[in-house]
């Protein structure tokens, strides 16, 4: 019975690893979408009128706002995507269980697919046999 459970748990870890690779790639892809806003913000800053011809509302302020917000979203998206890809690698190698649990909890914020993946990951990683597998590695 124990051997069958270990085989099932190893298969679940393998599938979760694949899903984290896919989710990490998708997250990185969508994390790059604000590049258009970043380029538009930079253009607004560069093409802003000089102080002599500037009116009450300056597009330079809006440009800086767009650059800052887009940069933060890009960095957060790429960071989360890389963390998910690392989680896939760690699940495949069966080490760093705490890291995998932490990223699983963070992935739950990405509705709907991240939530599903996070809940399944937390469920699998909290099984006794999986804890033993990670302890051996």
Protein backbone atom coordinates (compact mmCIF):
# COMPACT_ATOMS: atom_id res chain seq x y z
CA UNK A 1 0.00 0.00 0.00
CA UNK A 2 2.84 2.37 0.88
CA UNK A 3 4.61 1.73 -2.44
CA UNK A 4 1.44 2.53 -4.36
CA UNK A 5 1.02 5.79 -2.44
CA UNK A 6 4.63 6.79 -3.16
CA UNK A 7 4.11 6.13 -6.88
CA UNK A 8 0.93 8.24 -6.86
CA UNK A 9 2.63 11.07 -4.93
CA UNK A 10 5.62 11.04 -7.30
CA UNK A 11 3.25 11.28 -10.25
CA UNK A 12 1.39 14.18 -8.63
CA UNK A 13 4.68 16.00 -7.99
CA UNK A 14 5.70 15.43 -11.62
CA UNK A 15 2.41 16.84 -12.90
CA UNK A 16 2.58 19.83 -10.54
CA UNK A 17 6.10 20.51 -11.77
CA UNK A 18 4.89 20.62 -15.37
CA UNK A 19 1.97 22.87 -14.46
CA UNK A 20 4.27 25.28 -12.61
CA UNK A 21 6.53 25.52 -15.67
CA UNK A 22 3.50 26.35 -17.81
CA UNK A 23 2.07 28.82 -15.28
CA UNK A 24 5.47 30.49 -14.87
CA UNK A 25 5.78 30.95 -18.61
CA UNK A 26 2.29 32.40 -18.89
CA UNK A 27 2.93 34.72 -15.94
CA UNK A 28 6.18 36.00 -17.49
CA UNK A 29 4.40 36.53 -20.82
CA UNK A 30 1.57 38.54 -19.27
CA UNK A 31 4.03 40.36 -17.04
CA UNK A 32 5.57 41.88 -20.18
CA UNK A 33 2.30 43.41 -21.43
CA UNK A 34 2.89 46.80 -19.73
CA UNK A 35 5.95 47.38 -21.95
CA UNK A 36 3.64 49.36 -24.26
CA UNK A 37 2.73 51.67 -21.37
CA UNK A 38 6.40 51.97 -20.44
CA UNK A 39 7.30 53.03 -23.98
CA UNK A 40 4.42 55.50 -24.11
CA UNK A 41 5.47 56.96 -20.75
CA UNK A 42 9.06 57.37 -21.89
CA UNK A 43 7.84 59.04 -25.08
CA UNK A 44 5.68 61.44 -23.06
CA UNK A 45 8.67 62.37 -20.92
CA UNK A 46 10.99 62.88 -23.88
CA UNK A 47 8.46 64.81 -25.96
CA UNK A 48 7.18 66.97 -23.10
CA UNK A 49 7.18 70.70 -23.87
CA UNK A 50 9.88 72.84 -22.32
CA UNK A 51 9.26 74.98 -19.24
CA UNK A 52 8.70 78.12 -21.33
CA UNK A 53 5.92 76.64 -23.43
CA UNK A 54 4.40 74.35 -20.81
CA UNK A 55 0.80 74.88 -19.87
CA UNK A 56 -0.94 74.08 -16.60
CA UNK A 57 -1.08 70.31 -17.18
CA UNK A 58 2.20 68.74 -18.13
CA UNK A 59 2.30 65.38 -19.94
CA UNK A 60 5.67 64.79 -18.29
CA UNK A 61 4.00 64.01 -14.94
CA UNK A 62 1.65 61.54 -16.60
CA UNK A 63 4.63 60.02 -18.41
CA UNK A 64 6.53 59.49 -15.16
CA UNK A 65 3.43 57.96 -13.60
CA UNK A 66 3.10 55.54 -16.53
CA UNK A 67 6.80 54.63 -16.40
CA UNK A 68 6.77 53.92 -12.67
CA UNK A 69 3.55 51.89 -12.65
CA UNK A 70 4.51 49.88 -15.76
CA UNK A 71 7.99 49.18 -14.37
CA UNK A 72 6.58 47.91 -11.06
CA UNK A 73 4.06 45.65 -12.82
CA UNK A 74 6.73 44.26 -15.15
CA UNK A 75 9.13 43.53 -12.29
CA UNK A 76 6.42 41.89 -10.16
CA UNK A 77 5.13 39.80 -13.06
CA UNK A 78 8.56 38.56 -14.09
CA UNK A 79 9.53 37.87 -10.48
CA UNK A 80 6.42 35.79 -9.87
CA UNK A 81 6.91 33.94 -13.15
CA UNK A 82 10.52 33.11 -12.28
CA UNK A 83 9.47 31.97 -8.79
CA UNK A 84 6.90 29.65 -10.35
CA UNK A 85 9.46 28.22 -12.77
CA UNK A 86 11.83 27.66 -9.83
CA UNK A 87 9.01 25.91 -7.98
CA UNK A 88 8.55 23.60 -10.94
CA UNK A 89 12.26 22.79 -10.82
CA UNK A 90 12.22 22.19 -7.06
CA UNK A 91 9.15 19.95 -7.31
CA UNK A 92 10.89 17.95 -10.02
CA UNK A 93 14.02 17.56 -7.85
CA UNK A 94 11.90 17.07 -4.71
CA UNK A 95 13.65 19.63 -2.53
CA UNK A 96 12.89 23.02 -0.93
CA UNK A 97 9.40 22.06 0.24
CA UNK A 98 8.98 25.32 2.21
CA UNK A 99 9.77 27.42 -0.85
CA UNK A 100 7.28 25.40 -2.90
CA UNK A 101 4.60 25.92 -0.24
CA UNK A 102 5.26 29.67 -0.12
CA UNK A 103 4.98 30.06 -3.90
CA UNK A 104 1.85 27.88 -3.84
CA UNK A 105 0.22 30.31 -1.42
CA UNK A 106 1.26 33.30 -3.57
CA UNK A 107 -0.05 31.53 -6.69
CA UNK A 108 -3.47 31.29 -5.07
CA UNK A 109 -3.83 35.05 -5.71
CA UNK A 110 -3.81 34.46 -9.48
CA UNK A 111 -7.48 33.70 -10.09
CA UNK A 112 -8.61 31.16 -11.46
CA UNK A 113 -5.74 28.92 -12.63
CA UNK A 114 -3.21 29.98 -10.03
CA UNK A 115 -5.77 29.37 -7.30
CA UNK A 116 -6.46 25.85 -8.54
CA UNK A 117 -2.74 25.10 -8.92
CA UNK A 118 -1.94 26.57 -5.51
CA UNK A 119 -4.64 24.61 -3.69
CA UNK A 120 -3.61 21.33 -5.32
CA UNK A 121 0.04 22.05 -4.55
CA UNK A 122 -0.65 22.80 -0.89
CA UNK A 123 -2.75 19.62 -0.63
CA UNK A 124 -0.06 17.42 -2.19
CA UNK A 125 2.84 19.01 -0.32
CA UNK A 126 1.12 18.46 3.05
CA UNK A 127 0.76 14.68 2.59
CA UNK A 128 2.88 12.56 4.93
CA UNK A 129 4.43 10.52 2.12
CA UNK A 130 5.41 13.69 0.24
CA UNK A 131 6.99 15.12 3.39
CA UNK A 132 9.05 11.91 3.64
CA UNK A 133 10.02 12.15 -0.04
CA UNK A 134 11.23 15.74 0.42
CA UNK A 135 13.04 14.82 3.64
CA UNK A 136 15.01 12.09 1.83
CA UNK A 137 16.10 14.45 -0.97
